[in-house]
Amino acid sequence: MTVDSWRLRIQHKTGFDYAGPASSSYNEARMWPRNDARQAVLDARVEVWPPARTYRYEDYWGTVVTAFDVHAPHDAMTVTATSTVETLPPGDLLDASEGCSWEALTQPESVDRWYELILPTKRTGLDDELSGIAADIKAAHATPHAAALAVCEFVRGEVTYQPGATGVQSDAMHAWQQRKGVCQDISHLTVGMLREMGMPARYVSGYLHPRPSAAIGESVVGQSHAWVEWWVGRWTAFDATNGVPVGERHVVVGRGREYGDVPPLKGVYAGPKSTGQGVEVTITRLR
């Protein structure tokens, strides 16, 4: 059997502009892809301007963090991450009838193991209406996996994907109330409903090549993207925004409870207010 892998080169450039010189800043970048079962990082680097010494470590959730301090006066800061990643198609997908039972998810060993991924967070908390909808979907499906797929379909049907509709500080309820949002909001809402059912679920941050039939060698404007994973005896990944399993077009950078665990760039600085953050992602299919 032939497996059609993709090879993607990703350049992610982001940074901050300031109203005047900042005297110092302390930063963390989460822009380095992971080595996973369905993707292999062939090379990666993170470059910083103004020049700064960087050091790399894995955080609590297993995401690669590039940390750096800038102590020279600077009125702008830029971080550029460049990587080449080999990715695989979705592979062995579970049927809706497969996976563990509802009863298995309530067993102490399961609850204890995944406790942090069952609790709601600031961005994934639900109101009574959504909790009720989650309960109805759970009751209508014999298996957790079938219910999870139904949640993805429900959220995608109710919340319109609209770039710019929300910001990085928005939460699931904001997107639900206005019925529009970005991939981050759709993922938060989906994760929140899965956890309401007692299903361990996590937020995944990464990149998406926008074209299923991408031409080799052509560079396109890509996206920082977010999707979800849920535990039904094994982790299953699904792109709720696009209604597809995670496959060769997706590149994982980090996983956590919500966006706050995996922001591409965060930090603190001493100086005048920030006048904006720029983000530019370019993706090239190499094969």
C-alpha atoms as a PDB file:
ATOM      1  CA  MET A   1       0.000   0.000   0.000  1.00  0.00           C
ATOM      2  CA  THR A   2       1.351   3.425  -0.945  1.00  0.00           C
ATOM      3  CA  VAL A   3       1.136   6.197   1.648  1.00  0.00           C
ATOM      4  CA  ASP A   4       1.059   9.637   0.067  1.00  0.00           C
ATOM      5  CA  SER A   5       3.071  11.762   2.444  1.00  0.00           C
ATOM      6  CA  TRP A   6       3.582  15.485   1.987  1.00  0.00           C
ATOM      7  CA  ARG A   7       6.682  17.511   2.677  1.00  0.00           C
ATOM      8  CA  LEU A   8       5.918  21.073   3.773  1.00  0.00           C
ATOM      9  CA  ARG A   9       8.169  24.038   4.368  1.00  0.00           C
ATOM     10  CA  ILE A  10       6.655  26.559   6.756  1.00  0.00           C
ATOM     11  CA  GLN A  11       7.848  30.065   7.489  1.00  0.00           C
ATOM     12  CA  HIS A  12       6.021  31.793  10.338  1.00  0.00           C
ATOM     13  CA  LYS A  13       6.997  35.384  10.988  1.00  0.00           C
ATOM     14  CA  THR A  14       5.490  37.322  13.882  1.00  0.00           C
ATOM     15  CA  GLY A  15       6.443  40.111  16.238  1.00  0.00           C
ATOM     16  CA  PHE A  16       5.522  43.364  17.927  1.00  0.00           C
ATOM     17  CA  ASP A  17       5.907  47.060  17.154  1.00  0.00           C
ATOM     18  CA  TYR A  18       6.197  49.580  19.991  1.00  0.00           C
ATOM     19  CA  ALA A  19       5.348  53.272  20.209  1.00  0.00           C
ATOM     20  CA  GLY A  20       8.975  53.940  21.190  1.00  0.00           C
ATOM     21  CA  PRO A  21      12.064  52.033  22.298  1.00  0.00           C
ATOM     22  CA  ALA A  22      11.467  49.148  24.710  1.00  0.00           C
ATOM     23  CA  SER A  23      14.389  48.762  27.088  1.00  0.00           C
ATOM     24  CA  SER A  24      14.019  44.992  27.585  1.00  0.00           C
ATOM     25  CA  SER A  25      11.695  42.094  26.851  1.00  0.00           C
ATOM     26  CA  TYR A  26      11.343  38.483  27.970  1.00  0.00           C
ATOM     27  CA  ASN A  27       9.688  36.138  25.509  1.00  0.00           C
ATOM     28  CA  GLU A  28       8.537  32.596  24.722  1.00  0.00           C
ATOM     29  CA  ALA A  29       7.859  31.347  21.191  1.00  0.00           C
ATOM     30  CA  ARG A  30       5.889  28.152  20.525  1.00  0.00           C
ATOM     31  CA  MET A  31       6.492  27.863  16.795  1.00  0.00           C
ATOM     32  CA  TRP A  32       8.611  24.691  16.534  1.00  0.00           C
ATOM     33  CA  PRO A  33       6.661  21.681  15.139  1.00  0.00           C
ATOM     34  CA  ARG A  34       6.534  18.421  17.057  1.00  0.00           C
ATOM     35  CA  ASN A  35       7.801  15.014  16.093  1.00  0.00           C
ATOM     36  CA  ASP A  36       4.679  12.870  16.188  1.00  0.00           C
ATOM     37  CA  ALA A  37       3.303   9.594  14.894  1.00  0.00           C
ATOM     38  CA  ARG A  38       2.013  11.286  11.743  1.00  0.00           C
ATOM     39  CA  GLN A  39       4.662  13.946  11.213  1.00  0.00           C
ATOM     40  CA  ALA A  40       8.464  14.157  11.277  1.00  0.00           C
ATOM     41  CA  VAL A  41      10.408  17.395  11.645  1.00  0.00           C
ATOM     42  CA  LEU A  42      13.276  17.278   9.146  1.00  0.00           C
ATOM     43  CA  ASP A  43      14.715  20.640  10.151  1.00  0.00           C
ATOM     44  CA  ALA A  44      13.653  23.674  12.131  1.00  0.00           C
ATOM     45  CA  ARG A  45      15.071  26.944  13.366  1.00  0.00           C
ATOM     46  CA  VAL A  46      13.824  30.038  15.174  1.00  0.00           C
ATOM     47  CA  GLU A  47      15.526  33.385  14.501  1.00  0.00           C
ATOM     48  CA  VAL A  48      15.060  36.545  16.548  1.00  0.00           C
ATOM     49  CA  TRP A  49      15.544  40.220  15.726  1.00  0.00           C
ATOM     50  CA  PRO A  50      17.090  42.131  17.474  1.00  0.00           C
ATOM     51  CA  PRO A  51      19.620  39.300  17.842  1.00  0.00           C
ATOM     52  CA  ALA A  52      19.281  37.421  21.128  1.00  0.00           C
ATOM     53  CA  ARG A  53      20.559  34.210  22.605  1.00  0.00           C
ATOM     54  CA  THR A  54      17.812  31.582  22.606  1.00  0.00           C
ATOM     55  CA  TYR A  55      17.363  28.375  24.541  1.00  0.00           C
ATOM     56  CA  ARG A  56      14.914  25.584  23.910  1.00  0.00           C
ATOM     57  CA  TYR A  57      12.944  23.272  26.188  1.00  0.00           C
ATOM     58  CA  GLU A  58       9.708  21.275  26.305  1.00  0.00           C
ATOM     59  CA  ASP A  59       6.965  22.689  28.491  1.00  0.00           C
ATOM     60  CA  TYR A  60       4.529  20.776  30.714  1.00  0.00           C
ATOM     61  CA  TRP A  61       2.313  19.904  27.738  1.00  0.00           C
ATOM     62  CA  GLY A  62       5.189  18.706  25.562  1.00  0.00           C
ATOM     63  CA  THR A  63       5.380  21.768  23.323  1.00  0.00           C
ATOM     64  CA  VAL A  64       8.824  22.966  22.224  1.00  0.00           C
ATOM     65  CA  VAL A  65       9.456  26.469  23.598  1.00  0.00           C
ATOM     66  CA  THR A  66      12.120  28.857  22.325  1.00  0.00           C
ATOM     67  CA  ALA A  67      12.832  31.365  25.108  1.00  0.00           C
ATOM     68  CA  PHE A  68      14.849  34.553  24.718  1.00  0.00           C
ATOM     69  CA  ASP A  69      15.473  37.942  26.320  1.00  0.00           C
ATOM     70  CA  VAL A  70      16.248  41.199  24.514  1.00  0.00           C
ATOM     71  CA  HIS A  71      18.077  43.811  26.600  1.00  0.00           C
ATOM     72  CA  ALA A  72      19.078  46.325  23.918  1.00  0.00           C
ATOM     73  CA  PRO A  73      16.630  49.186  23.238  1.00  0.00           C
ATOM     74  CA  HIS A  74      14.280  48.170  20.401  1.00  0.00           C
ATOM     75  CA  ASP A  75      11.124  49.618  18.867  1.00  0.00           C
ATOM     76  CA  ALA A  76      10.190  46.360  17.143  1.00  0.00           C
ATOM     77  CA  MET A  77      10.786  42.661  17.633  1.00  0.00           C
ATOM     78  CA  THR A  78      10.479  39.913  15.034  1.00  0.00           C
ATOM     79  CA  VAL A  79      10.537  36.134  15.429  1.00  0.00           C
ATOM     80  CA  THR A  80      10.854  33.959  12.327  1.00  0.00           C
ATOM     81  CA  ALA A  81      10.386  30.188  12.567  1.00  0.00           C
ATOM     82  CA  THR A  82      11.285  28.097   9.532  1.00  0.00           C
ATOM     83  CA  SER A  83      10.710  24.344   9.415  1.00  0.00           C
ATOM     84  CA  THR A  84      10.437  21.422   7.023  1.00  0.00           C
ATOM     85  CA  VAL A  85       7.988  18.710   8.053  1.00  0.00           C
ATOM     86  CA  GLU A  86       6.978  15.377   6.531  1.00  0.00           C
ATOM     87  CA  THR A  87       3.276  14.676   7.120  1.00  0.00           C
ATOM     88  CA  LEU A  88       0.969  11.698   6.601  1.00  0.00           C
ATOM     89  CA  PRO A  89      -2.705  11.315   5.644  1.00  0.00           C
ATOM     90  CA  PRO A  90      -5.243  10.628   8.427  1.00  0.00           C
ATOM     91  CA  GLY A  91      -4.556   6.886   8.430  1.00  0.00           C
ATOM     92  CA  ASP A  92      -6.530   4.411  10.535  1.00  0.00           C
ATOM     93  CA  LEU A  93      -9.741   6.296  11.361  1.00  0.00           C
ATOM     94  CA  LEU A  94     -12.191   4.998  13.923  1.00  0.00           C
ATOM     95  CA  ASP A  95     -15.727   4.164  12.838  1.00  0.00           C
ATOM     96  CA  ALA A  96     -18.433   6.027  14.751  1.00  0.00           C
ATOM     97  CA  SER A  97     -19.326   2.787  16.544  1.00  0.00           C
ATOM     98  CA  GLU A  98     -15.755   2.153  17.687  1.00  0.00           C
ATOM     99  CA  GLY A  99     -13.685   3.432  20.589  1.00  0.00           C
ATOM    100  CA  CYS A 100     -14.280   3.067  24.315  1.00  0.00           C
ATOM    101  CA  SER A 101     -17.700   3.137  25.981  1.00  0.00           C
ATOM    102  CA  TRP A 102     -19.300   5.922  28.009  1.00  0.00           C
ATOM    103  CA  GLU A 103     -18.831   3.742  31.081  1.00  0.00           C
ATOM    104  CA  ALA A 104     -15.083   3.440  30.445  1.00  0.00           C
ATOM    105  CA  LEU A 105     -14.726   7.233  30.538  1.00  0.00           C
ATOM    106  CA  THR A 106     -16.193   7.324  34.050  1.00  0.00           C
ATOM    107  CA  GLN A 107     -13.741   4.793  35.497  1.00  0.00           C
ATOM    108  CA  PRO A 108     -11.361   6.270  38.123  1.00  0.00           C
ATOM    109  CA  GLU A 109      -8.247   5.344  36.140  1.00  0.00           C
ATOM    110  CA  SER A 110      -9.530   7.278  33.125  1.00  0.00           C
ATOM    111  CA  VAL A 111     -10.727  10.296  35.106  1.00  0.00           C
ATOM    112  CA  ASP A 112      -7.489  10.493  37.098  1.00  0.00           C
ATOM    113  CA  ARG A 113      -5.305  10.108  34.033  1.00  0.00           C
ATOM    114  CA  TRP A 114      -7.003  12.862  32.022  1.00  0.00           C
ATOM    115  CA  TYR A 115      -8.405  15.050  34.797  1.00  0.00           C
ATOM    116  CA  GLU A 116      -6.836  18.292  33.523  1.00  0.00           C
ATOM    117  CA  LEU A 117      -8.339  17.687  30.085  1.00  0.00           C
ATOM    118  CA  ILE A 118     -11.871  17.155  31.405  1.00  0.00           C
ATOM    119  CA  LEU A 119     -12.180  20.368  33.426  1.00  0.00           C
ATOM    120  CA  PRO A 120     -13.471  23.543  31.735  1.00  0.00           C
ATOM    121  CA  THR A 121     -11.105  26.503  31.350  1.00  0.00           C
ATOM    122  CA  LYS A 122     -11.600  30.236  30.946  1.00  0.00           C
ATOM    123  CA  ARG A 123     -11.938  29.935  27.177  1.00  0.00           C
ATOM    124  CA  THR A 124     -13.872  26.637  27.043  1.00  0.00           C
ATOM    125  CA  GLY A 125     -16.541  27.146  29.736  1.00  0.00           C
ATOM    126  CA  LEU A 126     -20.195  26.793  28.649  1.00  0.00           C
ATOM    127  CA  ASP A 127     -23.527  28.284  29.734  1.00  0.00           C
ATOM    128  CA  ASP A 128     -26.626  26.285  30.660  1.00  0.00           C
ATOM    129  CA  GLU A 129     -27.950  26.287  27.088  1.00  0.00           C
ATOM    130  CA  LEU A 130     -24.811  24.739  25.625  1.00  0.00           C
ATOM    131  CA  SER A 131     -24.485  22.304  28.516  1.00  0.00           C
ATOM    132  CA  GLY A 132     -28.002  21.134  27.749  1.00  0.00           C
ATOM    133  CA  ILE A 133     -27.231  20.728  24.052  1.00  0.00           C
ATOM    134  CA  ALA A 134     -24.127  18.705  24.925  1.00  0.00           C
ATOM    135  CA  ALA A 135     -26.215  16.471  27.187  1.00  0.00           C
ATOM    136  CA  ASP A 136     -28.752  15.898  24.401  1.00  0.00           C
ATOM    137  CA  ILE A 137     -26.044  14.978  21.899  1.00  0.00           C
ATOM    138  CA  LYS A 138     -24.496  12.588  24.415  1.00  0.00           C
ATOM    139  CA  ALA A 139     -27.827  10.900  25.076  1.00  0.00           C
ATOM    140  CA  ALA A 140     -28.467  10.438  21.362  1.00  0.00           C
ATOM    141  CA  HIS A 141     -25.258   8.521  20.623  1.00  0.00           C
ATOM    142  CA  ALA A 142     -24.215   5.059  21.752  1.00  0.00           C
ATOM    143  CA  THR A 143     -20.485   5.764  21.805  1.00  0.00           C
ATOM    144  CA  PRO A 144     -18.329   8.734  22.846  1.00  0.00           C
ATOM    145  CA  HIS A 145     -16.657   8.799  19.429  1.00  0.00           C
ATOM    146  CA  ALA A 146     -19.998   9.081  17.607  1.00  0.00           C
ATOM    147  CA  ALA A 147     -21.023  11.882  19.965  1.00  0.00           C
ATOM    148  CA  ALA A 148     -17.730  13.708  19.386  1.00  0.00           C
ATOM    149  CA  LEU A 149     -18.213  13.620  15.624  1.00  0.00           C
ATOM    150  CA  ALA A 150     -21.767  14.905  16.124  1.00  0.00           C
ATOM    151  CA  VAL A 151     -20.463  17.796  18.254  1.00  0.00           C
ATOM    152  CA  CYS A 152     -18.055  18.782  15.483  1.00  0.00           C
ATOM    153  CA  GLU A 153     -20.877  18.723  12.964  1.00  0.00           C
ATOM    154  CA  PHE A 154     -23.146  20.741  15.278  1.00  0.00           C
ATOM    155  CA  VAL A 155     -20.559  23.455  15.972  1.00  0.00           C
ATOM    156  CA  ARG A 156     -19.605  23.751  12.310  1.00  0.00           C
ATOM    157  CA  GLY A 157     -23.266  24.085  11.381  1.00  0.00           C
ATOM    158  CA  GLU A 158     -23.999  26.754  13.995  1.00  0.00           C
ATOM    159  CA  VAL A 159     -20.859  28.918  14.008  1.00  0.00           C
ATOM    160  CA  THR A 160     -19.746  30.584  10.780  1.00  0.00           C
ATOM    161  CA  TYR A 161     -16.009  30.773  10.154  1.00  0.00           C
ATOM    162  CA  GLN A 162     -15.245  34.463   9.709  1.00  0.00           C
ATOM    163  CA  PRO A 163     -11.661  35.775   9.929  1.00  0.00           C
ATOM    164  CA  GLY A 164     -11.389  38.835  12.126  1.00  0.00           C
ATOM    165  CA  ALA A 165     -14.674  38.166  13.927  1.00  0.00           C
ATOM    166  CA  THR A 166     -12.890  37.663  17.266  1.00  0.00           C
ATOM    167  CA  GLY A 167      -9.506  38.179  18.910  1.00  0.00           C
ATOM    168  CA  VAL A 168      -7.085  35.914  20.766  1.00  0.00           C
ATOM    169  CA  GLN A 169      -8.735  36.752  24.088  1.00  0.00           C
ATOM    170  CA  SER A 170     -12.208  35.591  22.976  1.00  0.00           C
ATOM    171  CA  ASP A 171     -13.825  32.490  24.444  1.00  0.00           C
ATOM    172  CA  ALA A 172     -16.279  29.808  23.378  1.00  0.00           C
ATOM    173  CA  MET A 173     -19.321  31.705  24.640  1.00  0.00           C
ATOM    174  CA  HIS A 174     -18.430  34.850  22.707  1.00  0.00           C
ATOM    175  CA  ALA A 175     -18.282  32.889  19.454  1.00  0.00           C
ATOM    176  CA  TRP A 176     -21.494  31.036  20.303  1.00  0.00           C
ATOM    177  CA  GLN A 177     -23.438  34.179  21.092  1.00  0.00           C
ATOM    178  CA  GLN A 178     -22.496  35.892  17.845  1.00  0.00           C
ATOM    179  CA  ARG A 179     -22.523  32.605  15.864  1.00  0.00           C
ATOM    180  CA  LYS A 180     -19.253  33.430  14.170  1.00  0.00           C
ATOM    181  CA  GLY A 181     -15.565  33.157  14.927  1.00  0.00           C
ATOM    182  CA  VAL A 182     -12.240  31.742  13.794  1.00  0.00           C
ATOM    183  CA  CYS A 183     -10.694  28.285  14.104  1.00  0.00           C
ATOM    184  CA  GLN A 184      -9.591  29.073  17.647  1.00  0.00           C
ATOM    185  CA  ASP A 185     -13.174  29.804  18.732  1.00  0.00           C
ATOM    186  CA  ILE A 186     -14.632  26.784  16.949  1.00  0.00           C
ATOM    187  CA  SER A 187     -12.029  24.577  18.620  1.00  0.00           C
ATOM    188  CA  HIS A 188     -12.680  26.073  22.067  1.00  0.00           C
ATOM    189  CA  LEU A 189     -16.408  25.546  21.671  1.00  0.00           C
ATOM    190  CA  THR A 190     -15.947  21.969  20.496  1.00  0.00           C
ATOM    191  CA  VAL A 191     -13.517  21.159  23.317  1.00  0.00           C
ATOM    192  CA  GLY A 192     -15.897  22.672  25.866  1.00  0.00           C
ATOM    193  CA  MET A 193     -18.826  20.533  24.697  1.00  0.00           C
ATOM    194  CA  LEU A 194     -16.724  17.367  24.630  1.00  0.00           C
ATOM    195  CA  ARG A 195     -15.547  17.977  28.193  1.00  0.00           C
ATOM    196  CA  GLU A 196     -19.120  18.666  29.278  1.00  0.00           C
ATOM    197  CA  MET A 197     -19.851  15.080  28.208  1.00  0.00           C
ATOM    198  CA  GLY A 198     -16.986  13.793  30.352  1.00  0.00           C
ATOM    199  CA  MET A 199     -14.704  13.207  27.380  1.00  0.00           C
ATOM    200  CA  PRO A 200     -11.017  14.170  27.664  1.00  0.00           C
ATOM    201  CA  ALA A 201     -10.337  16.753  24.969  1.00  0.00           C
ATOM    202  CA  ARG A 202      -7.436  18.986  24.052  1.00  0.00           C
ATOM    203  CA  TYR A 203      -6.806  22.045  21.933  1.00  0.00           C
ATOM    204  CA  VAL A 204      -4.213  21.674  19.174  1.00  0.00           C
ATOM    205  CA  SER A 205      -2.238  24.540  17.674  1.00  0.00           C
ATOM    206  CA  GLY A 206      -0.390  24.310  14.379  1.00  0.00           C
ATOM    207  CA  TYR A 207      -0.553  25.110  10.680  1.00  0.00           C
ATOM    208  CA  LEU A 208      -2.815  24.235   7.780  1.00  0.00           C
ATOM    209  CA  HIS A 209      -1.981  24.230   4.081  1.00  0.00           C
ATOM    210  CA  PRO A 210      -5.137  25.770   2.591  1.00  0.00           C
ATOM    211  CA  ARG A 211      -5.198  23.749  -0.641  1.00  0.00           C
ATOM    212  CA  PRO A 212      -6.010  20.003  -0.729  1.00  0.00           C
ATOM    213  CA  SER A 213      -4.547  19.758  -4.245  1.00  0.00           C
ATOM    214  CA  ALA A 214      -1.516  21.951  -3.609  1.00  0.00           C
ATOM    215  CA  ALA A 215       0.974  22.377  -6.427  1.00  0.00           C
ATOM    216  CA  ILE A 216       4.489  21.276  -5.586  1.00  0.00           C
ATOM    217  CA  GLY A 217       6.918  24.171  -5.284  1.00  0.00           C
ATOM    218  CA  GLU A 218       4.269  26.888  -5.040  1.00  0.00           C
ATOM    219  CA  SER A 219       4.394  29.100  -1.947  1.00  0.00           C
ATOM    220  CA  VAL A 220       1.006  30.160  -0.599  1.00  0.00           C
ATOM    221  CA  VAL A 221      -0.263  32.233   2.289  1.00  0.00           C
ATOM    222  CA  GLY A 222      -0.915  29.649   4.973  1.00  0.00           C
ATOM    223  CA  GLN A 223      -2.622  29.829   8.324  1.00  0.00           C
ATOM    224  CA  SER A 224      -1.873  29.388  11.948  1.00  0.00           C
ATOM    225  CA  HIS A 225      -4.616  26.910  12.689  1.00  0.00           C
ATOM    226  CA  ALA A 226      -6.340  25.148  15.569  1.00  0.00           C
ATOM    227  CA  TRP A 227      -8.214  21.859  15.843  1.00  0.00           C
ATOM    228  CA  VAL A 228      -9.247  19.340  18.495  1.00  0.00           C
ATOM    229  CA  GLU A 229      -8.401  15.886  19.790  1.00  0.00           C
ATOM    230  CA  TRP A 230     -10.496  13.652  22.028  1.00  0.00           C
ATOM    231  CA  TRP A 231      -9.739  10.487  23.960  1.00  0.00           C
ATOM    232  CA  VAL A 232     -11.855   7.381  23.296  1.00  0.00           C
ATOM    233  CA  GLY A 233      -9.287   4.725  24.179  1.00  0.00           C
ATOM    234  CA  ARG A 234      -6.832   6.540  21.915  1.00  0.00           C
ATOM    235  CA  TRP A 235      -6.494  10.142  20.787  1.00  0.00           C
ATOM    236  CA  THR A 236      -8.455  11.089  17.686  1.00  0.00           C
ATOM    237  CA  ALA A 237      -7.753  14.344  15.844  1.00  0.00           C
ATOM    238  CA  PHE A 238     -10.375  16.304  13.903  1.00  0.00           C
ATOM    239  CA  ASP A 239     -10.459  19.707  12.229  1.00  0.00           C
ATOM    240  CA  ALA A 240     -13.868  20.976  13.329  1.00  0.00           C
ATOM    241  CA  THR A 241     -13.502  24.228  11.371  1.00  0.00           C
ATOM    242  CA  ASN A 242     -13.210  22.417   8.045  1.00  0.00           C
ATOM    243  CA  GLY A 243     -15.123  19.263   8.956  1.00  0.00           C
ATOM    244  CA  VAL A 244     -12.274  16.895   8.053  1.00  0.00           C
ATOM    245  CA  PRO A 245      -9.942  14.483   9.863  1.00  0.00           C
ATOM    246  CA  VAL A 246      -6.459  15.859  10.488  1.00  0.00           C
ATOM    247  CA  GLY A 247      -4.177  14.770   7.672  1.00  0.00           C
ATOM    248  CA  GLU A 248      -1.267  15.655   5.448  1.00  0.00           C
ATOM    249  CA  ARG A 249      -2.174  19.363   5.259  1.00  0.00           C
ATOM    250  CA  HIS A 250      -1.948  19.794   9.050  1.00  0.00           C
ATOM    251  CA  VAL A 251       1.233  20.366  11.053  1.00  0.00           C
ATOM    252  CA  VAL A 252       1.088  20.109  14.870  1.00  0.00           C
ATOM    253  CA  VAL A 253       3.028  22.608  16.991  1.00  0.00           C
ATOM    254  CA  GLY A 254       1.475  22.209  20.439  1.00  0.00           C
ATOM    255  CA  ARG A 255      -1.336  20.768  22.506  1.00  0.00           C
ATOM    256  CA  GLY A 256      -2.966  21.949  25.714  1.00  0.00           C
ATOM    257  CA  ARG A 257      -6.208  22.728  27.475  1.00  0.00           C
ATOM    258  CA  GLU A 258      -6.840  25.850  25.379  1.00  0.00           C
ATOM    259  CA  TYR A 259      -5.106  28.613  23.429  1.00  0.00           C
ATOM    260  CA  GLY A 260      -3.545  30.029  26.598  1.00  0.00           C
ATOM    261  CA  ASP A 261      -1.337  26.917  26.857  1.00  0.00           C
ATOM    262  CA  VAL A 262       0.051  27.199  23.312  1.00  0.00           C
ATOM    263  CA  PRO A 263       0.280  30.845  22.117  1.00  0.00           C
ATOM    264  CA  PRO A 264       2.805  31.239  19.272  1.00  0.00           C
ATOM    265  CA  LEU A 265       4.474  34.216  20.979  1.00  0.00           C
ATOM    266  CA  LYS A 266       4.059  35.746  24.401  1.00  0.00           C
ATOM    267  CA  GLY A 267       6.163  37.809  26.748  1.00  0.00           C
ATOM    268  CA  VAL A 268       6.552  40.858  28.940  1.00  0.00           C
ATOM    269  CA  TYR A 269       8.529  44.020  28.251  1.00  0.00           C
ATOM    270  CA  ALA A 270       9.507  47.367  29.735  1.00  0.00           C
ATOM    271  CA  GLY A 271       8.661  50.309  27.519  1.00  0.00           C
ATOM    272  CA  PRO A 272       5.851  52.186  25.738  1.00  0.00           C
ATOM    273  CA  LYS A 273       2.666  50.464  24.620  1.00  0.00           C
ATOM    274  CA  SER A 274       2.616  48.015  21.732  1.00  0.00           C
ATOM    275  CA  THR A 275       1.179  49.419  18.517  1.00  0.00           C
ATOM    276  CA  GLY A 276       0.396  46.085  16.952  1.00  0.00           C
ATOM    277  CA  GLN A 277       1.366  42.509  16.206  1.00  0.00           C
ATOM    278  CA  GLY A 278       2.031  41.240  12.705  1.00  0.00           C
ATOM    279  CA  VAL A 279       1.668  37.617  11.611  1.00  0.00           C
ATOM    280  CA  GLU A 280       2.706  36.108   8.284  1.00  0.00           C
ATOM    281  CA  VAL A 281       2.659  32.391   7.462  1.00  0.00           C
ATOM    282  CA  THR A 282       3.998  31.046   4.154  1.00  0.00           C
ATOM    283  CA  ILE A 283       3.686  27.347   3.325  1.00  0.00           C
ATOM    284  CA  THR A 284       5.280  25.529   0.402  1.00  0.00           C
ATOM    285  CA  ARG A 285       4.572  21.935  -0.552  1.00  0.00           C
ATOM    286  CA  LEU A 286       7.945  20.455  -1.478  1.00  0.00           C
ATOM    287  CA  ARG A 287       6.580  17.055  -2.503  1.00  0.00           C
END
